[in-house]
Amino acid sequence: MGTRASLLAKTQTRTVADALIAQGATVEIVEISTSGDLSQAANTPIAQTGIGVFTSALREALLEDRIDVAVHSYKDLPTAGLPGIVLAAVPERADPRDVLVARDQMVLGQLPPGAVVGTGSPRREAQLRALGLGLEVVGIRGNVETRIRKVTEGEVDGVILARAGLARIGRAGEATEVLDPLQMLPAPAQGALAVECRVADTELETFLAATLHDESTAAAVTAERAVLKELGSPCAAAIGALADIVEDLDDDGRIVERLSLRAFATTADGALVRNSATGETKDAEQIGRSLAAELLVDGAQPRGAEGA
């Protein structure tokens, strides 16, 4: 099983490995360095690192038979598929929301005008600026530990991080505020994992799906990533999306599950456009595509086709 070498990636992979081991599998974890890790170490801005920088090396290792399974943070995967590789399972998702880690235990509304907030995400930056709090937003890179240290050492007043990442490495308690999606929509598929194997390994694919796959999570992230794909943007774009599976009543008064999707994108001048949609879970991809089309009509800026 292949993983990036960061603490978060290894922790995520170990969780998946443990689930397989509990079902009788023997697992060896192999650490693989990616171009994203190298660019992060060099402090290269995310927008300049390209698509799939955290996933391509793992996929190459799969195709070269150096590993049998790759575990990714789903939000890092390009929306375009790769011949020879199949998405075998999407495990149950962790909390997809963003959090603030700030000095003096402050929440976002307590940060004074001019306070410096660090993020490497254009999505987070666009939403922070739209809140109109007068914050100074600066770009930062590095793993979770490095970003938190920038707060404790006084380099910035706060940083925005994914709650799932903090929780997976046992540091969720350091968040000073969990941000409501009404303020900060997460990245498409944030908090979810993607488990891939080779197309030819059908028995392994079946085993991974039976052991790990969660249909509700898969439907939600399918809708979110359909928005991303339709807008032609990688994770470096200012696009957010979040889908929830909610209970509703059908025409006969029976309780059914429906998918509720919210998304935002930015216009050419940096303004935010937001919209939402609902539908049946089986139509998750079409719901996402239709919502993206509405965002484009509302002025969202298309980014050009995304590659693999």
Protein backbone atom coordinates (compact mmCIF):
# COMPACT_ATOMS: atom_id res chain seq x y z
CA MET A 1 0.00 0.00 0.00
CA GLY A 2 1.48 3.29 -1.10
CA THR A 3 1.36 6.54 0.83
CA ARG A 4 2.96 9.95 0.87
CA ALA A 5 5.52 10.35 3.64
CA SER A 6 3.75 13.10 5.62
CA LEU A 7 2.36 12.33 9.06
CA LEU A 8 -1.20 12.96 7.88
CA ALA A 9 -0.86 10.76 4.79
CA LYS A 10 0.71 7.93 6.78
CA THR A 11 -2.00 8.17 9.43
CA GLN A 12 -4.73 8.03 6.80
CA THR A 13 -3.10 5.07 5.12
CA ARG A 14 -2.64 3.23 8.41
CA THR A 15 -6.38 3.60 9.08
CA VAL A 16 -7.16 1.98 5.74
CA ALA A 17 -4.53 -0.71 6.28
CA ASP A 18 -5.92 -1.57 9.71
CA ALA A 19 -9.39 -2.06 8.23
CA LEU A 20 -7.99 -4.48 5.65
CA ILE A 21 -5.87 -6.31 8.22
CA ALA A 22 -9.00 -6.79 10.36
CA GLN A 23 -10.46 -8.68 7.38
CA GLY A 24 -7.46 -10.97 7.07
CA ALA A 25 -5.23 -9.07 4.67
CA THR A 26 -1.46 -8.76 5.02
CA VAL A 27 -0.38 -5.18 4.36
CA GLU A 28 3.00 -3.56 3.81
CA ILE A 29 3.05 0.24 3.69
CA VAL A 30 5.48 1.87 1.25
CA GLU A 31 6.32 5.58 1.50
CA ILE A 32 6.59 7.40 -1.82
CA SER A 33 7.82 10.96 -2.33
CA THR A 34 5.66 13.11 -4.60
CA SER A 35 6.38 16.29 -6.53
CA GLY A 36 3.86 18.03 -4.27
CA ASP A 37 5.92 17.15 -1.20
CA LEU A 38 9.05 18.53 -2.88
CA SER A 39 7.31 21.77 -3.93
CA GLN A 40 5.87 22.13 -0.43
CA ALA A 41 9.33 21.80 1.07
CA ALA A 42 10.50 24.49 -1.36
CA ASN A 43 7.55 26.70 -0.31
CA THR A 44 6.20 26.84 -3.88
CA PRO A 45 2.68 28.37 -3.99
CA ILE A 46 -0.04 25.78 -4.56
CA ALA A 47 -1.35 27.56 -7.64
CA GLN A 48 2.04 27.06 -9.32
CA THR A 49 2.51 23.36 -8.52
CA GLY A 50 0.13 21.93 -11.11
CA ILE A 51 -2.56 19.27 -11.05
CA GLY A 52 -2.11 15.94 -9.29
CA VAL A 53 1.20 16.82 -7.64
CA PHE A 54 0.34 14.83 -4.52
CA THR A 55 -1.06 11.82 -6.38
CA SER A 56 0.82 11.19 -9.63
CA ALA A 57 3.79 9.41 -8.03
CA LEU A 58 1.47 7.01 -6.20
CA ARG A 59 -0.41 6.28 -9.41
CA GLU A 60 2.85 5.67 -11.26
CA ALA A 61 3.87 3.21 -8.55
CA LEU A 62 0.56 1.40 -9.05
CA LEU A 63 1.01 1.11 -12.80
CA GLU A 64 4.60 -0.08 -12.34
CA ASP A 65 3.48 -2.81 -9.88
CA ARG A 66 5.57 -1.33 -7.05
CA ILE A 67 2.43 -1.08 -4.93
CA ASP A 68 -1.01 -2.70 -5.15
CA VAL A 69 -3.13 -0.05 -3.45
CA ALA A 70 -2.84 3.76 -3.30
CA VAL A 71 -4.52 5.86 -0.61
CA HIS A 72 -5.13 9.51 -1.49
CA SER A 73 -6.78 12.51 0.08
CA TYR A 74 -9.65 12.55 -2.39
CA LYS A 75 -9.54 16.32 -2.82
CA ASP A 76 -6.02 15.99 -4.26
CA LEU A 77 -7.05 13.63 -7.08
CA PRO A 78 -7.49 15.10 -10.56
CA THR A 79 -11.05 14.75 -11.80
CA ALA A 80 -9.81 13.02 -14.97
CA GLY A 81 -9.38 9.26 -14.66
CA LEU A 82 -6.19 7.40 -15.53
CA PRO A 83 -6.21 4.31 -17.80
CA GLY A 84 -5.28 1.15 -15.91
CA ILE A 85 -6.37 2.48 -12.51
CA VAL A 86 -9.77 2.15 -10.84
CA LEU A 87 -11.28 3.91 -7.85
CA ALA A 88 -12.06 0.84 -5.73
CA ALA A 89 -13.45 2.44 -2.58
CA VAL A 90 -14.38 5.70 -0.91
CA PRO A 91 -14.39 5.13 2.87
CA GLU A 92 -16.75 6.96 5.20
CA ARG A 93 -15.87 10.62 5.24
CA ALA A 94 -14.49 12.56 8.18
CA ASP A 95 -15.82 16.02 9.08
CA PRO A 96 -15.34 18.07 5.87
CA ARG A 97 -15.39 21.51 7.50
CA ASP A 98 -12.51 23.96 7.83
CA VAL A 99 -11.25 25.23 11.16
CA LEU A 100 -9.41 28.26 12.46
CA VAL A 101 -6.33 27.85 14.64
CA ALA A 102 -5.68 31.30 16.11
CA ARG A 103 -3.61 32.96 18.81
CA ASP A 104 -5.14 33.58 22.22
CA GLN A 105 -7.96 31.10 21.49
CA MET A 106 -9.73 33.66 19.29
CA VAL A 107 -12.53 32.86 16.86
CA LEU A 108 -12.69 34.47 13.43
CA GLY A 109 -14.97 37.31 14.53
CA GLN A 110 -12.59 38.25 17.36
CA LEU A 111 -9.55 38.76 15.13
CA PRO A 112 -8.96 42.51 14.85
CA PRO A 113 -8.85 44.27 11.47
CA GLY A 114 -5.38 43.83 10.00
CA ALA A 115 -4.81 40.48 11.73
CA VAL A 116 -2.73 38.15 9.55
CA VAL A 117 -4.36 34.87 8.56
CA GLY A 118 -2.37 32.28 6.63
CA THR A 119 -3.66 29.90 4.00
CA GLY A 120 -2.28 28.32 0.86
CA SER A 121 -5.77 27.95 -0.62
CA PRO A 122 -7.29 30.45 -3.08
CA ARG A 123 -10.68 28.99 -2.07
CA ARG A 124 -10.17 29.92 1.57
CA GLU A 125 -8.66 33.28 0.69
CA ALA A 126 -11.61 34.25 -1.51
CA GLN A 127 -14.11 33.39 1.21
CA LEU A 128 -12.12 35.12 3.94
CA ARG A 129 -12.00 38.32 1.90
CA ALA A 130 -15.73 38.06 1.14
CA LEU A 131 -16.50 38.10 4.87
CA GLY A 132 -15.32 41.71 4.98
CA LEU A 133 -13.49 41.42 8.31
CA GLY A 134 -10.49 43.48 7.22
CA LEU A 135 -8.07 40.59 7.66
CA GLU A 136 -4.72 40.42 5.91
CA VAL A 137 -4.55 37.06 4.12
CA VAL A 138 -1.09 35.71 3.35
CA GLY A 139 -0.01 32.58 1.50
CA ILE A 140 1.68 29.79 3.44
CA ARG A 141 2.80 26.24 2.65
CA GLY A 142 3.87 23.28 4.75
CA ASN A 143 2.26 20.37 6.54
CA VAL A 144 -0.28 20.72 9.35
CA GLU A 145 2.39 20.86 12.06
CA THR A 146 4.34 23.57 10.23
CA ARG A 147 1.27 25.74 9.74
CA ILE A 148 0.22 25.54 13.38
CA ARG A 149 3.77 26.41 14.42
CA LYS A 150 3.50 29.65 12.42
CA VAL A 151 0.71 30.64 14.83
CA THR A 152 2.46 29.57 18.03
CA GLU A 153 5.65 31.38 16.99
CA GLY A 154 3.74 34.57 16.14
CA GLU A 155 4.43 34.60 12.40
CA VAL A 156 0.68 34.82 11.74
CA ASP A 157 -2.37 35.43 13.93
CA GLY A 158 -4.22 32.41 12.62
CA VAL A 159 -4.36 29.72 9.95
CA ILE A 160 -7.25 27.94 8.23
CA LEU A 161 -6.96 24.15 8.06
CA ALA A 162 -9.13 21.13 7.33
CA ARG A 163 -10.66 19.71 10.51
CA ALA A 164 -10.32 16.17 9.18
CA GLY A 165 -6.56 16.50 8.92
CA LEU A 166 -6.24 17.86 12.45
CA ALA A 167 -8.45 15.09 13.83
CA ARG A 168 -6.56 12.33 12.05
CA ILE A 169 -3.27 13.32 13.65
CA GLY A 170 -4.85 13.85 17.06
CA ARG A 171 -4.74 17.66 17.13
CA ALA A 172 -8.41 18.59 16.64
CA GLY A 173 -8.41 20.20 20.09
CA GLU A 174 -6.08 22.93 18.84
CA ALA A 175 -8.78 24.39 16.59
CA THR A 176 -10.16 27.59 18.10
CA GLU A 177 -13.24 27.56 15.85
CA VAL A 178 -14.95 25.10 13.52
CA LEU A 179 -16.10 27.23 10.59
CA ASP A 180 -19.70 26.97 9.46
CA PRO A 181 -19.96 26.09 5.75
CA LEU A 182 -22.11 29.20 5.38
CA GLN A 183 -18.88 31.13 6.02
CA MET A 184 -16.37 28.73 4.52
CA LEU A 185 -17.44 26.05 2.05
CA PRO A 186 -14.84 23.27 1.99
CA ALA A 187 -13.00 21.99 -1.04
CA PRO A 188 -14.81 19.34 -3.08
CA ALA A 189 -14.24 15.92 -1.41
CA GLN A 190 -12.49 17.47 1.61
CA GLY A 191 -12.32 14.96 4.46
CA ALA A 192 -12.76 11.97 2.14
CA LEU A 193 -10.21 9.35 1.08
CA ALA A 194 -9.88 7.62 -2.29
CA VAL A 195 -8.51 4.09 -2.49
CA GLU A 196 -7.25 3.02 -5.91
CA CYS A 197 -5.92 -0.20 -7.40
CA ARG A 198 -5.16 -1.54 -10.86
CA VAL A 199 -8.10 -2.29 -13.18
CA ALA A 200 -6.75 -5.82 -13.74
CA ASP A 201 -6.82 -6.65 -10.02
CA THR A 202 -10.53 -7.43 -9.93
CA GLU A 203 -10.41 -9.61 -6.79
CA LEU A 204 -8.55 -6.90 -4.91
CA GLU A 205 -10.99 -4.26 -6.14
CA THR A 206 -13.91 -6.35 -4.87
CA PHE A 207 -12.21 -6.85 -1.49
CA LEU A 208 -11.45 -3.13 -1.10
CA ALA A 209 -15.01 -2.16 -2.00
CA ALA A 210 -16.57 -4.71 0.36
CA THR A 211 -14.32 -3.68 3.24
CA LEU A 212 -14.09 0.09 2.85
CA HIS A 213 -16.69 1.63 0.54
CA ASP A 214 -19.39 3.98 1.88
CA GLU A 215 -22.16 4.76 -0.61
CA SER A 216 -23.36 7.98 1.04
CA THR A 217 -19.87 9.46 1.07
CA ALA A 218 -19.31 8.38 -2.53
CA ALA A 219 -22.52 10.07 -3.68
CA ALA A 220 -21.68 13.30 -1.87
CA VAL A 221 -18.15 13.61 -3.22
CA THR A 222 -19.26 12.59 -6.71
CA ALA A 223 -21.58 15.60 -6.79
CA GLU A 224 -18.93 17.93 -5.39
CA ARG A 225 -16.25 16.79 -7.83
CA ALA A 226 -18.68 17.07 -10.74
CA VAL A 227 -18.87 20.80 -9.97
CA LEU A 228 -15.09 20.95 -10.05
CA LYS A 229 -14.82 19.00 -13.30
CA GLU A 230 -17.47 21.04 -15.06
CA LEU A 231 -15.73 24.28 -14.12
CA GLY A 232 -12.43 22.80 -15.31
CA SER A 233 -10.51 23.61 -12.15
CA PRO A 234 -7.96 21.86 -9.93
CA CYS A 235 -7.81 22.18 -6.15
CA ALA A 236 -5.83 25.42 -6.54
CA ALA A 237 -8.93 27.25 -7.82
CA ALA A 238 -11.29 29.30 -5.69
CA ILE A 239 -14.14 26.77 -5.78
CA GLY A 240 -15.96 25.22 -2.84
CA ALA A 241 -18.64 22.54 -2.73
CA LEU A 242 -20.36 20.50 -0.05
CA ALA A 243 -23.04 17.84 -0.43
CA ASP A 244 -25.12 16.34 2.37
CA ILE A 245 -27.38 13.33 2.33
CA VAL A 246 -30.65 14.45 3.92
CA GLU A 247 -33.97 12.81 4.67
CA ASP A 248 -37.03 13.97 2.74
CA LEU A 249 -40.58 12.80 2.01
CA ASP A 250 -41.56 11.49 -1.40
CA ASP A 251 -44.96 12.04 -3.03
CA ASP A 252 -46.38 9.10 -1.08
CA GLY A 253 -45.18 10.41 2.27
CA ARG A 254 -42.34 7.90 2.59
CA ILE A 255 -38.97 8.91 3.99
CA VAL A 256 -36.31 8.93 1.29
CA GLU A 257 -32.71 10.11 1.10
CA ARG A 258 -31.86 13.05 -1.12
CA LEU A 259 -28.66 14.83 -1.94
CA SER A 260 -28.36 18.53 -1.08
CA LEU A 261 -25.45 20.35 -2.74
CA ARG A 262 -24.06 23.85 -2.19
CA ALA A 263 -21.22 25.39 -4.19
CA PHE A 264 -19.47 28.65 -4.94
CA ALA A 265 -17.00 29.91 -7.51
CA THR A 266 -15.45 33.26 -8.33
CA THR A 267 -16.11 35.68 -11.16
CA ALA A 268 -13.45 37.29 -13.34
CA ASP A 269 -13.21 40.21 -10.89
CA GLY A 270 -12.95 37.96 -7.82
CA ALA A 271 -16.55 38.22 -6.58
CA LEU A 272 -18.23 35.10 -5.23
CA VAL A 273 -21.25 33.45 -6.86
CA ARG A 274 -23.16 30.83 -4.90
CA ASN A 275 -25.93 28.38 -5.68
CA SER A 276 -27.48 25.15 -4.45
CA ALA A 277 -29.40 22.14 -5.75
CA THR A 278 -31.10 18.98 -4.53
CA GLY A 279 -31.95 15.66 -6.12
CA GLU A 280 -31.79 11.92 -5.81
CA THR A 281 -28.49 10.39 -4.71
CA LYS A 282 -28.35 8.24 -7.85
CA ASP A 283 -28.16 11.46 -9.88
CA ALA A 284 -25.20 12.85 -7.90
CA GLU A 285 -22.96 13.57 -10.88
CA GLN A 286 -25.71 15.24 -12.90
CA ILE A 287 -26.70 17.39 -9.90
CA GLY A 288 -23.11 18.62 -9.67
CA ARG A 289 -22.84 19.27 -13.40
CA SER A 290 -26.12 21.18 -13.48
CA LEU A 291 -25.15 23.30 -10.49
CA ALA A 292 -21.81 24.14 -12.12
CA ALA A 293 -23.67 25.21 -15.27
CA GLU A 294 -25.82 27.53 -13.16
CA LEU A 295 -22.72 29.03 -11.58
CA LEU A 296 -21.31 29.71 -15.04
CA VAL A 297 -24.54 31.45 -16.04
CA ASP A 298 -24.25 33.51 -12.85
CA GLY A 299 -20.78 34.68 -13.88
CA ALA A 300 -18.37 32.07 -12.52
CA GLN A 301 -15.08 32.11 -14.38
CA PRO A 302 -14.30 28.80 -16.17
CA ARG A 303 -10.69 27.72 -15.74
CA GLY A 304 -10.07 25.56 -18.80
CA ALA A 305 -10.05 21.79 -19.05
CA GLU A 306 -8.28 19.87 -16.34
CA GLY A 307 -5.81 17.18 -17.29
CA ALA A 308 -4.85 13.93 -15.58
